[in-house]
């Protein structure tokens, strides 16, 4: 899959956005599935990302962190490119995809010139997520089905039926369906701190 190599080749421009701050707007038709840009920046540890950013000390969440794996985080505020300006939407036209420790932004559908490029950040919810986090990560995308927060939708509880002892064993998966950020515990003993984006795999 080919991809632009310089900012002049990107199929979008950066200008003010109604969603938040700056946004990316298509300058030509973009095909469904087209690879638009790679999300780049300084690669740092999770501990360093916590040192640089602490959402609990700010009135408004705003970082350019993207989790690559359990050890590496991309900080697009340092040596980053225009991918960091692509905003969140609850009804996105793009998605973030992780491939071999790299993050790319691909088109989910055909995009017309003038449309703002967006993807669903879907920040990860954990047990420590509270109403305070909901307000910190408030969404202003304006989509018809906006859920009011960039946190992932709350999971519906299913009736629990246990047939035998094995059914009580916990099941886990490493698959990440959407681009997500952590909205609670990050291994530092704090909750609700720095959010980090995650990509589909």
N, C-alpha and C. Protein backbone atom coordinates (compact mmCIF):
# COMPACT_ATOMS: atom_id res chain seq x y z
N UNK A 1 0.85 -1.20 0.00
CA UNK A 1 0.00 0.00 0.00
C UNK A 1 0.88 1.24 0.00
N UNK A 2 0.72 2.12 -0.98
CA UNK A 2 1.52 3.33 -1.06
C UNK A 2 0.99 4.39 -0.12
N UNK A 3 1.89 5.31 0.26
CA UNK A 3 1.53 6.35 1.20
C UNK A 3 2.37 7.57 0.94
N UNK A 4 1.81 8.78 1.13
CA UNK A 4 2.59 10.00 0.91
C UNK A 4 3.84 10.02 1.78
N UNK A 5 4.90 10.64 1.29
CA UNK A 5 6.15 10.70 2.04
C UNK A 5 6.47 12.10 2.56
N UNK A 6 5.83 13.12 2.01
CA UNK A 6 6.05 14.49 2.48
C UNK A 6 4.71 15.15 2.76
N UNK A 7 4.73 16.22 3.55
CA UNK A 7 3.48 16.90 3.93
C UNK A 7 2.74 17.45 2.72
N UNK A 8 3.48 17.81 1.67
CA UNK A 8 2.84 18.35 0.46
C UNK A 8 2.06 17.28 -0.29
N UNK A 9 2.38 16.01 -0.03
CA UNK A 9 1.71 14.93 -0.73
C UNK A 9 0.48 14.41 0.00
N UNK A 10 0.31 14.81 1.26
CA UNK A 10 -0.83 14.32 2.02
C UNK A 10 -2.14 14.81 1.38
N UNK A 11 -3.18 13.98 1.38
CA UNK A 11 -4.45 14.37 0.76
C UNK A 11 -5.33 15.21 1.69
N UNK A 12 -4.70 16.02 2.52
CA UNK A 12 -5.46 16.86 3.45
C UNK A 12 -4.63 18.08 3.85
N UNK A 13 -5.35 19.08 4.38
CA UNK A 13 -4.70 20.28 4.93
C UNK A 13 -5.18 20.46 6.36
N UNK A 14 -4.42 21.22 7.14
CA UNK A 14 -4.77 21.46 8.53
C UNK A 14 -5.36 22.86 8.67
N UNK A 15 -6.53 22.94 9.30
CA UNK A 15 -7.13 24.24 9.59
C UNK A 15 -8.02 24.09 10.83
N UNK A 16 -8.60 25.19 11.26
CA UNK A 16 -9.44 25.18 12.47
C UNK A 16 -10.59 24.20 12.32
N UNK A 17 -10.91 23.52 13.42
CA UNK A 17 -11.97 22.52 13.41
C UNK A 17 -13.09 22.88 14.37
N UNK A 18 -14.32 22.54 13.99
CA UNK A 18 -15.46 22.75 14.88
C UNK A 18 -15.46 21.73 16.01
N UNK A 19 -14.76 20.63 15.82
CA UNK A 19 -14.71 19.58 16.85
C UNK A 19 -13.80 20.01 17.99
N UNK A 20 -12.56 20.32 17.65
CA UNK A 20 -11.60 20.78 18.66
C UNK A 20 -10.33 21.27 17.99
N UNK A 21 -9.88 22.45 18.38
CA UNK A 21 -8.60 22.97 17.90
C UNK A 21 -8.45 22.91 16.40
N UNK A 22 -7.36 22.28 15.96
CA UNK A 22 -7.10 22.11 14.53
C UNK A 22 -7.59 20.75 14.07
N UNK A 23 -7.91 20.65 12.77
CA UNK A 23 -8.37 19.39 12.21
C UNK A 23 -7.79 19.19 10.83
N UNK A 24 -7.93 17.97 10.30
CA UNK A 24 -7.41 17.64 8.97
C UNK A 24 -8.59 17.54 8.00
N UNK A 25 -8.50 18.25 6.86
CA UNK A 25 -9.58 18.29 5.88
C UNK A 25 -9.09 17.79 4.52
N UNK A 26 -9.86 16.88 3.93
CA UNK A 26 -9.48 16.28 2.65
C UNK A 26 -9.37 17.34 1.56
N UNK A 27 -8.33 17.23 0.73
CA UNK A 27 -8.13 18.17 -0.38
C UNK A 27 -8.44 17.51 -1.72
N UNK A 28 -8.72 16.23 -1.70
CA UNK A 28 -9.07 15.49 -2.92
C UNK A 28 -9.89 14.27 -2.49
N UNK A 29 -10.54 13.59 -3.43
CA UNK A 29 -11.26 12.37 -3.07
C UNK A 29 -10.30 11.32 -2.49
N UNK A 30 -10.68 10.68 -1.42
CA UNK A 30 -9.88 9.63 -0.79
C UNK A 30 -10.65 8.32 -0.88
N UNK A 31 -10.02 7.30 -1.40
CA UNK A 31 -10.67 6.01 -1.58
C UNK A 31 -10.84 5.26 -0.26
N UNK A 32 -11.88 4.45 -0.17
CA UNK A 32 -12.06 3.58 0.96
C UNK A 32 -10.86 2.63 1.06
N UNK A 33 -10.27 2.52 2.22
CA UNK A 33 -9.12 1.65 2.42
C UNK A 33 -7.78 2.31 2.12
N UNK A 34 -7.80 3.55 1.62
CA UNK A 34 -6.54 4.23 1.29
C UNK A 34 -5.75 4.54 2.56
N UNK A 35 -4.46 4.30 2.50
CA UNK A 35 -3.57 4.65 3.61
C UNK A 35 -3.22 6.12 3.49
N UNK A 36 -3.57 6.89 4.52
CA UNK A 36 -3.47 8.35 4.44
C UNK A 36 -2.17 8.89 4.99
N UNK A 37 -1.77 8.42 6.16
CA UNK A 37 -0.58 8.96 6.82
C UNK A 37 -0.14 8.02 7.93
N UNK A 38 1.13 8.07 8.27
CA UNK A 38 1.64 7.32 9.43
C UNK A 38 1.68 8.25 10.63
N UNK A 39 1.30 7.72 11.79
CA UNK A 39 1.35 8.49 13.04
C UNK A 39 2.77 8.34 13.60
N UNK A 40 3.52 9.44 13.62
CA UNK A 40 4.91 9.36 14.05
C UNK A 40 5.19 10.37 15.16
N UNK A 41 6.37 10.20 15.78
CA UNK A 41 6.79 11.07 16.87
C UNK A 41 7.89 10.38 17.65
N UNK A 42 8.28 10.97 18.75
CA UNK A 42 9.31 10.36 19.59
C UNK A 42 8.77 9.11 20.27
N UNK A 43 9.54 8.04 20.24
CA UNK A 43 9.14 6.80 20.89
C UNK A 43 9.72 6.77 22.30
N UNK A 44 8.82 6.72 23.27
CA UNK A 44 9.23 6.79 24.67
C UNK A 44 8.58 5.66 25.46
N UNK A 45 9.00 5.51 26.71
CA UNK A 45 8.42 4.48 27.58
C UNK A 45 7.12 4.99 28.19
N UNK A 46 6.33 4.08 28.73
CA UNK A 46 5.09 4.46 29.40
C UNK A 46 5.40 5.33 30.61
N UNK A 47 6.47 5.01 31.32
CA UNK A 47 6.84 5.79 32.50
C UNK A 47 7.16 7.23 32.11
N UNK A 48 7.86 7.41 30.98
CA UNK A 48 8.20 8.74 30.53
C UNK A 48 6.94 9.50 30.09
N UNK A 49 5.99 8.79 29.48
CA UNK A 49 4.76 9.46 29.07
C UNK A 49 3.98 9.94 30.29
N UNK A 50 4.02 9.17 31.37
CA UNK A 50 3.36 9.58 32.61
C UNK A 50 4.05 10.81 33.21
N UNK A 51 5.38 10.85 33.08
CA UNK A 51 6.12 11.99 33.62
C UNK A 51 5.80 13.27 32.85
N UNK A 52 5.65 13.14 31.54
CA UNK A 52 5.40 14.32 30.71
C UNK A 52 3.99 14.85 30.81
N UNK A 53 3.01 13.94 30.95
CA UNK A 53 1.61 14.34 30.92
C UNK A 53 0.83 13.71 32.06
N UNK A 54 0.02 14.50 32.73
CA UNK A 54 -0.84 14.00 33.79
C UNK A 54 -2.19 14.69 33.66
N UNK A 55 -3.18 13.94 33.16
CA UNK A 55 -4.51 14.53 32.92
C UNK A 55 -5.18 15.01 34.19
N UNK A 56 -4.80 14.45 35.34
CA UNK A 56 -5.45 14.84 36.59
C UNK A 56 -5.08 16.27 36.99
N UNK A 57 -4.03 16.81 36.38
CA UNK A 57 -3.57 18.15 36.74
C UNK A 57 -4.00 19.20 35.71
N UNK A 58 -4.81 18.79 34.74
CA UNK A 58 -5.28 19.72 33.71
C UNK A 58 -6.80 19.75 33.68
N UNK A 59 -7.36 20.88 33.25
CA UNK A 59 -8.81 21.02 33.16
C UNK A 59 -9.34 20.39 31.88
N UNK A 60 -8.44 20.22 30.91
CA UNK A 60 -8.87 19.68 29.62
C UNK A 60 -7.83 18.70 29.11
N UNK A 61 -8.30 17.53 28.71
CA UNK A 61 -7.39 16.51 28.20
C UNK A 61 -6.85 16.90 26.84
N UNK A 62 -5.53 16.83 26.68
CA UNK A 62 -4.95 17.15 25.37
C UNK A 62 -3.52 16.65 25.31
N UNK A 63 -3.33 15.45 24.76
CA UNK A 63 -1.98 14.94 24.53
C UNK A 63 -1.94 14.29 23.15
N UNK A 64 -0.74 14.01 22.72
CA UNK A 64 -0.55 13.38 21.42
C UNK A 64 0.08 11.99 21.58
N UNK A 65 -0.27 11.30 22.65
CA UNK A 65 0.30 9.99 22.91
C UNK A 65 -0.44 8.87 22.18
N UNK A 66 0.33 7.91 21.66
CA UNK A 66 -0.26 6.76 20.99
C UNK A 66 0.50 5.52 21.44
N UNK A 67 -0.20 4.59 22.10
CA UNK A 67 0.44 3.37 22.59
C UNK A 67 0.71 2.42 21.43
N UNK A 68 1.97 2.00 21.29
CA UNK A 68 2.37 1.05 20.26
C UNK A 68 2.27 -0.37 20.79
N UNK A 69 2.78 -0.57 22.01
CA UNK A 69 2.71 -1.86 22.68
C UNK A 69 2.84 -1.62 24.18
N UNK A 70 3.13 -2.66 24.95
CA UNK A 70 3.20 -2.53 26.40
C UNK A 70 4.42 -1.75 26.88
N UNK A 71 5.37 -1.51 25.97
CA UNK A 71 6.58 -0.82 26.36
C UNK A 71 6.76 0.54 25.70
N UNK A 72 6.22 0.70 24.51
CA UNK A 72 6.50 1.90 23.71
C UNK A 72 5.26 2.76 23.49
N UNK A 73 5.44 4.06 23.62
CA UNK A 73 4.40 5.05 23.36
C UNK A 73 4.97 6.10 22.40
N UNK A 74 4.19 6.50 21.42
CA UNK A 74 4.61 7.57 20.50
C UNK A 74 4.11 8.90 21.05
N UNK A 75 5.03 9.85 21.21
CA UNK A 75 4.65 11.21 21.60
C UNK A 75 4.78 12.09 20.37
N UNK A 76 3.66 12.36 19.73
CA UNK A 76 3.66 13.14 18.48
C UNK A 76 3.91 14.62 18.71
N UNK A 77 3.96 15.05 19.97
CA UNK A 77 4.28 16.45 20.26
C UNK A 77 5.77 16.71 20.03
N UNK A 78 6.55 15.62 19.93
CA UNK A 78 7.99 15.73 19.67
C UNK A 78 8.29 15.03 18.35
N UNK A 79 8.72 15.79 17.36
CA UNK A 79 9.05 15.25 16.03
C UNK A 79 7.86 14.57 15.36
N UNK A 80 6.66 14.99 15.68
CA UNK A 80 5.47 14.40 15.08
C UNK A 80 5.12 15.04 13.75
N UNK A 81 4.09 14.52 13.10
CA UNK A 81 3.62 15.08 11.82
C UNK A 81 2.16 15.49 11.94
N UNK A 82 1.52 15.76 10.83
CA UNK A 82 0.14 16.26 10.86
C UNK A 82 -0.90 15.22 11.27
N UNK A 83 -0.50 13.98 11.42
CA UNK A 83 -1.44 12.96 11.87
C UNK A 83 -1.99 13.29 13.25
N UNK A 84 -1.22 14.01 14.03
CA UNK A 84 -1.64 14.32 15.41
C UNK A 84 -2.84 15.25 15.46
N UNK A 85 -3.15 15.92 14.33
CA UNK A 85 -4.28 16.85 14.32
C UNK A 85 -5.59 16.21 13.89
N UNK A 86 -5.58 14.94 13.53
CA UNK A 86 -6.82 14.28 13.12
C UNK A 86 -7.67 14.04 14.37
N UNK A 87 -8.86 14.59 14.37
CA UNK A 87 -9.72 14.57 15.56
C UNK A 87 -10.54 13.28 15.70
N UNK A 88 -11.12 13.16 16.88
CA UNK A 88 -12.01 12.05 17.19
C UNK A 88 -13.42 12.31 16.69
N UNK A 89 -14.12 11.25 16.31
CA UNK A 89 -15.56 11.32 16.04
C UNK A 89 -16.19 9.99 16.42
N UNK A 90 -17.41 10.06 16.93
CA UNK A 90 -18.15 8.84 17.25
C UNK A 90 -18.68 8.16 16.00
N UNK A 91 -18.68 8.87 14.87
CA UNK A 91 -19.04 8.32 13.56
C UNK A 91 -17.90 8.66 12.60
N UNK A 92 -16.76 7.97 12.71
CA UNK A 92 -15.55 8.33 11.96
C UNK A 92 -15.56 7.89 10.51
N UNK A 93 -14.69 8.52 9.72
CA UNK A 93 -14.50 8.09 8.34
C UNK A 93 -13.11 7.48 8.13
N UNK A 94 -12.33 7.39 9.21
CA UNK A 94 -11.00 6.78 9.16
C UNK A 94 -10.82 5.86 10.37
N UNK A 95 -9.72 5.10 10.36
CA UNK A 95 -9.37 4.27 11.51
C UNK A 95 -7.85 4.23 11.64
N UNK A 96 -7.38 3.98 12.86
CA UNK A 96 -5.95 3.82 13.10
C UNK A 96 -5.63 2.33 13.13
N UNK A 97 -4.58 1.95 12.42
CA UNK A 97 -4.22 0.54 12.30
C UNK A 97 -2.76 0.34 12.71
N UNK A 98 -2.52 -0.65 13.56
CA UNK A 98 -1.17 -0.96 14.00
C UNK A 98 -0.58 -2.09 13.18
N UNK A 99 0.62 -1.88 12.63
CA UNK A 99 1.32 -2.89 11.85
C UNK A 99 2.80 -2.89 12.20
N UNK A 100 3.27 -3.99 12.77
CA UNK A 100 4.70 -4.15 13.07
C UNK A 100 5.27 -2.94 13.81
N UNK A 101 4.62 -2.58 14.90
CA UNK A 101 5.06 -1.48 15.77
C UNK A 101 4.98 -0.11 15.12
N UNK A 102 4.19 0.01 14.05
CA UNK A 102 3.95 1.30 13.42
C UNK A 102 2.45 1.55 13.39
N UNK A 103 2.06 2.83 13.38
CA UNK A 103 0.65 3.22 13.40
C UNK A 103 0.32 3.98 12.13
N UNK A 104 -0.76 3.57 11.46
CA UNK A 104 -1.18 4.23 10.22
C UNK A 104 -2.65 4.65 10.32
N UNK A 105 -3.00 5.69 9.58
CA UNK A 105 -4.39 6.15 9.49
C UNK A 105 -4.91 5.76 8.12
N UNK A 106 -5.96 4.94 8.08
CA UNK A 106 -6.57 4.47 6.83
C UNK A 106 -8.00 4.97 6.72
N UNK A 107 -8.48 5.12 5.50
CA UNK A 107 -9.85 5.57 5.27
C UNK A 107 -10.83 4.41 5.44
N UNK A 108 -11.86 4.61 6.24
CA UNK A 108 -12.90 3.60 6.44
C UNK A 108 -13.92 3.60 5.31
N UNK A 109 -14.00 4.73 4.62
CA UNK A 109 -15.00 4.90 3.57
C UNK A 109 -14.49 5.94 2.58
N UNK A 110 -15.18 6.12 1.49
CA UNK A 110 -14.81 7.16 0.53
C UNK A 110 -15.02 8.52 1.18
N UNK A 111 -14.06 9.41 1.01
CA UNK A 111 -14.11 10.73 1.63
C UNK A 111 -14.01 11.80 0.55
N UNK A 112 -14.90 12.77 0.60
CA UNK A 112 -14.95 13.83 -0.41
C UNK A 112 -14.10 15.03 0.01
N UNK A 113 -13.62 15.81 -0.96
CA UNK A 113 -12.85 17.03 -0.63
C UNK A 113 -13.64 17.94 0.31
N UNK A 114 -12.97 18.48 1.30
CA UNK A 114 -13.62 19.37 2.25
C UNK A 114 -14.10 18.68 3.51
N UNK A 115 -14.22 17.34 3.49
CA UNK A 115 -14.64 16.60 4.68
C UNK A 115 -13.51 16.54 5.69
N UNK A 116 -13.85 16.65 6.98
CA UNK A 116 -12.84 16.51 8.02
C UNK A 116 -12.55 15.04 8.26
N UNK A 117 -11.27 14.69 8.35
CA UNK A 117 -10.87 13.32 8.64
C UNK A 117 -10.97 13.08 10.14
N UNK A 118 -11.57 11.96 10.51
CA UNK A 118 -11.74 11.63 11.93
C UNK A 118 -11.62 10.13 12.15
N UNK A 119 -11.35 9.74 13.37
CA UNK A 119 -11.43 8.34 13.75
C UNK A 119 -11.90 8.26 15.19
N UNK A 120 -12.36 7.11 15.61
CA UNK A 120 -12.89 6.93 16.97
C UNK A 120 -11.75 6.58 17.91
N UNK A 121 -11.42 7.51 18.82
CA UNK A 121 -10.34 7.24 19.78
C UNK A 121 -10.71 6.08 20.71
N UNK A 122 -11.98 6.02 21.11
CA UNK A 122 -12.50 4.92 21.93
C UNK A 122 -11.55 4.58 23.07
N UNK A 123 -11.24 5.58 23.89
CA UNK A 123 -10.33 5.38 25.01
C UNK A 123 -10.81 4.22 25.88
N UNK A 124 -9.89 3.41 26.30
CA UNK A 124 -10.22 2.20 27.04
C UNK A 124 -10.77 2.51 28.44
N UNK A 125 -11.88 1.86 28.76
CA UNK A 125 -12.46 1.97 30.10
C UNK A 125 -11.87 0.88 31.00
N UNK A 126 -11.62 1.23 32.26
CA UNK A 126 -11.18 0.25 33.23
C UNK A 126 -12.04 0.38 34.47
N UNK A 127 -11.78 -0.43 35.45
CA UNK A 127 -12.60 -0.46 36.65
C UNK A 127 -12.61 0.88 37.38
N UNK A 128 -11.51 1.64 37.25
CA UNK A 128 -11.43 2.90 37.97
C UNK A 128 -12.07 4.07 37.26
N UNK A 129 -12.66 3.86 36.08
CA UNK A 129 -13.28 4.95 35.32
C UNK A 129 -14.49 5.51 36.06
N UNK A 130 -14.52 6.82 36.24
CA UNK A 130 -15.60 7.47 36.99
C UNK A 130 -16.29 8.53 36.14
N UNK A 131 -17.32 9.16 36.72
CA UNK A 131 -18.02 10.25 36.04
C UNK A 131 -17.07 11.41 35.79
N UNK A 132 -16.11 11.59 36.66
CA UNK A 132 -15.10 12.65 36.49
C UNK A 132 -14.30 12.42 35.21
N UNK A 133 -13.99 11.15 34.93
CA UNK A 133 -13.28 10.82 33.70
C UNK A 133 -14.16 11.10 32.48
N UNK A 134 -15.46 10.83 32.61
CA UNK A 134 -16.39 11.07 31.52
C UNK A 134 -16.34 12.56 31.12
N UNK A 135 -16.27 13.43 32.12
CA UNK A 135 -16.24 14.86 31.87
C UNK A 135 -14.89 15.32 31.32
N UNK A 136 -13.81 14.68 31.80
CA UNK A 136 -12.47 15.03 31.33
C UNK A 136 -12.32 14.68 29.86
N UNK A 137 -12.90 13.53 29.48
CA UNK A 137 -12.78 13.05 28.10
C UNK A 137 -14.08 13.30 27.31
N UNK A 138 -14.67 14.48 27.51
CA UNK A 138 -15.92 14.82 26.85
C UNK A 138 -15.72 14.95 25.34
N UNK A 139 -16.77 14.60 24.58
CA UNK A 139 -16.69 14.63 23.12
C UNK A 139 -17.51 15.79 22.56
N UNK A 140 -16.96 16.44 21.52
CA UNK A 140 -17.65 17.54 20.86
C UNK A 140 -17.77 17.29 19.37
N UNK A 141 -17.82 16.01 18.97
CA UNK A 141 -17.79 15.69 17.54
C UNK A 141 -19.05 16.14 16.80
N UNK A 142 -20.18 16.22 17.49
CA UNK A 142 -21.41 16.68 16.86
C UNK A 142 -22.10 15.65 15.98
N UNK A 143 -21.63 14.41 16.01
CA UNK A 143 -22.25 13.35 15.20
C UNK A 143 -23.65 13.04 15.71
N UNK A 144 -24.50 12.55 14.81
CA UNK A 144 -25.88 12.23 15.18
C UNK A 144 -25.92 11.20 16.30
N UNK A 145 -24.96 10.29 16.31
CA UNK A 145 -24.92 9.25 17.34
C UNK A 145 -23.77 9.47 18.32
N UNK A 146 -23.43 10.73 18.57
CA UNK A 146 -22.36 11.04 19.52
C UNK A 146 -22.71 10.50 20.90
N UNK A 147 -21.77 9.80 21.51
CA UNK A 147 -22.02 9.20 22.83
C UNK A 147 -21.63 10.14 23.97
N UNK A 148 -21.14 11.35 23.62
CA UNK A 148 -20.85 12.35 24.64
C UNK A 148 -19.48 12.25 25.27
N UNK A 149 -18.73 11.22 24.93
CA UNK A 149 -17.40 11.02 25.50
C UNK A 149 -16.53 10.28 24.49
N UNK A 150 -15.21 10.52 24.56
CA UNK A 150 -14.32 9.77 23.70
C UNK A 150 -13.90 8.46 24.34
N UNK A 151 -14.44 8.18 25.53
CA UNK A 151 -14.25 6.86 26.13
C UNK A 151 -15.04 5.84 25.33
N UNK A 152 -14.59 4.60 25.33
CA UNK A 152 -15.30 3.54 24.61
C UNK A 152 -16.70 3.36 25.20
N UNK A 153 -17.67 2.90 24.41
CA UNK A 153 -19.02 2.67 24.94
C UNK A 153 -18.98 1.70 26.11
N UNK A 154 -19.87 1.92 27.06
CA UNK A 154 -19.93 1.02 28.21
C UNK A 154 -20.39 -0.36 27.76
N UNK A 155 -19.73 -1.37 28.26
CA UNK A 155 -20.09 -2.74 27.90
C UNK A 155 -21.35 -3.16 28.64
N UNK A 156 -22.26 -3.78 27.88
CA UNK A 156 -23.49 -4.26 28.50
C UNK A 156 -23.22 -5.54 29.25
N UNK A 157 -23.72 -5.60 30.48
CA UNK A 157 -23.52 -6.80 31.28
C UNK A 157 -24.44 -7.92 30.82
N UNK A 158 -23.88 -9.08 30.68
CA UNK A 158 -24.67 -10.25 30.28
C UNK A 158 -24.95 -11.12 31.49
N UNK A 159 -26.14 -11.77 31.52
CA UNK A 159 -26.45 -12.67 32.63
C UNK A 159 -25.38 -13.74 32.73
N UNK A 160 -24.90 -13.99 33.93
CA UNK A 160 -23.82 -14.95 34.11
C UNK A 160 -24.37 -16.33 34.42
N UNK A 161 -24.04 -17.30 33.59
CA UNK A 161 -24.46 -18.67 33.81
C UNK A 161 -23.22 -19.54 33.95
N UNK A 162 -23.05 -20.16 35.10
CA UNK A 162 -21.90 -20.99 35.37
C UNK A 162 -22.32 -22.45 35.40
N UNK A 163 -21.78 -23.25 34.48
CA UNK A 163 -22.14 -24.66 34.40
C UNK A 163 -21.16 -25.56 35.14
N UNK A 164 -19.90 -25.09 35.24
CA UNK A 164 -18.90 -25.89 35.94
C UNK A 164 -17.76 -24.98 36.36
N UNK A 165 -16.82 -25.52 37.10
CA UNK A 165 -15.74 -24.72 37.67
C UNK A 165 -14.94 -23.99 36.61
N UNK A 166 -14.71 -24.63 35.46
CA UNK A 166 -13.89 -24.01 34.42
C UNK A 166 -14.50 -22.71 33.91
N UNK A 167 -15.82 -22.60 34.01
CA UNK A 167 -16.49 -21.41 33.51
C UNK A 167 -16.18 -20.19 34.35
N UNK A 168 -15.65 -20.42 35.56
CA UNK A 168 -15.34 -19.30 36.43
C UNK A 168 -13.93 -18.76 36.21
N UNK A 169 -13.16 -19.42 35.37
CA UNK A 169 -11.81 -18.96 35.10
C UNK A 169 -11.85 -17.73 34.20
N UNK A 170 -11.02 -16.73 34.49
CA UNK A 170 -11.03 -15.51 33.66
C UNK A 170 -10.48 -15.78 32.27
N UNK A 171 -11.05 -15.07 31.29
CA UNK A 171 -10.60 -15.18 29.91
C UNK A 171 -10.12 -13.81 29.47
N UNK A 172 -8.97 -13.72 28.83
CA UNK A 172 -8.44 -12.45 28.37
C UNK A 172 -8.08 -12.53 26.90
N UNK A 173 -7.98 -11.38 26.29
CA UNK A 173 -7.58 -11.32 24.88
C UNK A 173 -6.72 -10.10 24.67
N UNK A 174 -5.77 -10.18 23.76
CA UNK A 174 -4.89 -9.06 23.47
C UNK A 174 -5.37 -8.27 22.27
N UNK A 175 -6.46 -8.72 21.64
CA UNK A 175 -6.92 -8.06 20.43
C UNK A 175 -7.56 -6.72 20.77
N UNK A 176 -7.16 -5.69 20.04
CA UNK A 176 -7.73 -4.36 20.22
C UNK A 176 -8.52 -4.03 18.97
N UNK A 177 -9.83 -3.86 19.10
CA UNK A 177 -10.69 -3.66 17.95
C UNK A 177 -10.64 -2.24 17.40
N UNK A 178 -10.41 -1.27 18.26
CA UNK A 178 -10.38 0.10 17.80
C UNK A 178 -9.23 0.84 18.44
N UNK A 179 -9.02 2.02 18.00
CA UNK A 179 -8.01 2.87 18.59
C UNK A 179 -8.48 3.26 19.96
N UNK A 180 -7.68 2.96 21.00
CA UNK A 180 -8.14 3.20 22.35
C UNK A 180 -7.07 3.86 23.20
N UNK A 181 -7.53 4.57 24.21
CA UNK A 181 -6.64 5.13 25.21
C UNK A 181 -7.06 4.62 26.56
N UNK A 182 -6.11 4.51 27.49
CA UNK A 182 -6.46 4.13 28.85
C UNK A 182 -7.02 5.35 29.56
N UNK A 183 -8.12 5.14 30.29
CA UNK A 183 -8.74 6.25 30.99
C UNK A 183 -8.65 6.07 32.50
N UNK A 184 -7.95 5.04 32.94
CA UNK A 184 -7.81 4.85 34.38
C UNK A 184 -6.42 4.38 34.74
N UNK A 185 -6.32 3.32 35.54
CA UNK A 185 -5.03 2.92 36.08
C UNK A 185 -4.01 2.67 34.98
N UNK A 186 -2.80 3.20 35.18
CA UNK A 186 -1.76 3.04 34.17
C UNK A 186 -0.50 2.41 34.74
N UNK A 187 -0.61 1.75 35.87
CA UNK A 187 0.53 1.09 36.44
C UNK A 187 1.35 1.97 37.36
N UNK A 188 0.93 3.20 37.57
CA UNK A 188 1.68 4.11 38.43
C UNK A 188 1.04 4.24 39.80
N UNK A 189 -0.08 3.55 40.01
CA UNK A 189 -0.78 3.65 41.28
C UNK A 189 -1.84 4.72 41.25
N UNK A 190 -1.93 5.48 40.13
CA UNK A 190 -2.94 6.52 39.99
C UNK A 190 -4.03 6.04 39.06
N UNK A 191 -5.18 6.70 39.11
CA UNK A 191 -6.25 6.37 38.17
C UNK A 191 -6.67 7.62 37.44
N UNK A 192 -7.18 7.41 36.22
CA UNK A 192 -7.67 8.54 35.45
C UNK A 192 -6.58 9.43 34.90
N UNK A 193 -5.33 8.94 34.80
CA UNK A 193 -4.25 9.77 34.31
C UNK A 193 -4.10 9.66 32.81
N UNK A 194 -2.95 9.99 32.31
CA UNK A 194 -2.70 10.16 30.89
C UNK A 194 -3.37 9.14 29.99
N UNK A 195 -4.15 9.64 29.00
CA UNK A 195 -4.75 8.77 28.01
C UNK A 195 -3.78 8.48 26.89
N UNK A 196 -3.88 7.28 26.32
CA UNK A 196 -3.01 6.91 25.21
C UNK A 196 -3.86 6.24 24.14
N UNK A 197 -3.68 6.63 22.92
CA UNK A 197 -4.43 6.05 21.83
C UNK A 197 -3.92 4.63 21.55
N UNK A 198 -4.82 3.78 21.05
CA UNK A 198 -4.44 2.44 20.66
C UNK A 198 -5.04 2.14 19.29
N UNK A 199 -4.36 1.34 18.51
CA UNK A 199 -4.80 1.06 17.14
C UNK A 199 -5.38 -0.33 16.99
N UNK A 200 -6.21 -0.48 15.98
CA UNK A 200 -6.73 -1.81 15.64
C UNK A 200 -5.59 -2.66 15.13
N UNK A 201 -5.69 -3.98 15.34
CA UNK A 201 -4.64 -4.89 14.90
C UNK A 201 -5.19 -5.93 13.95
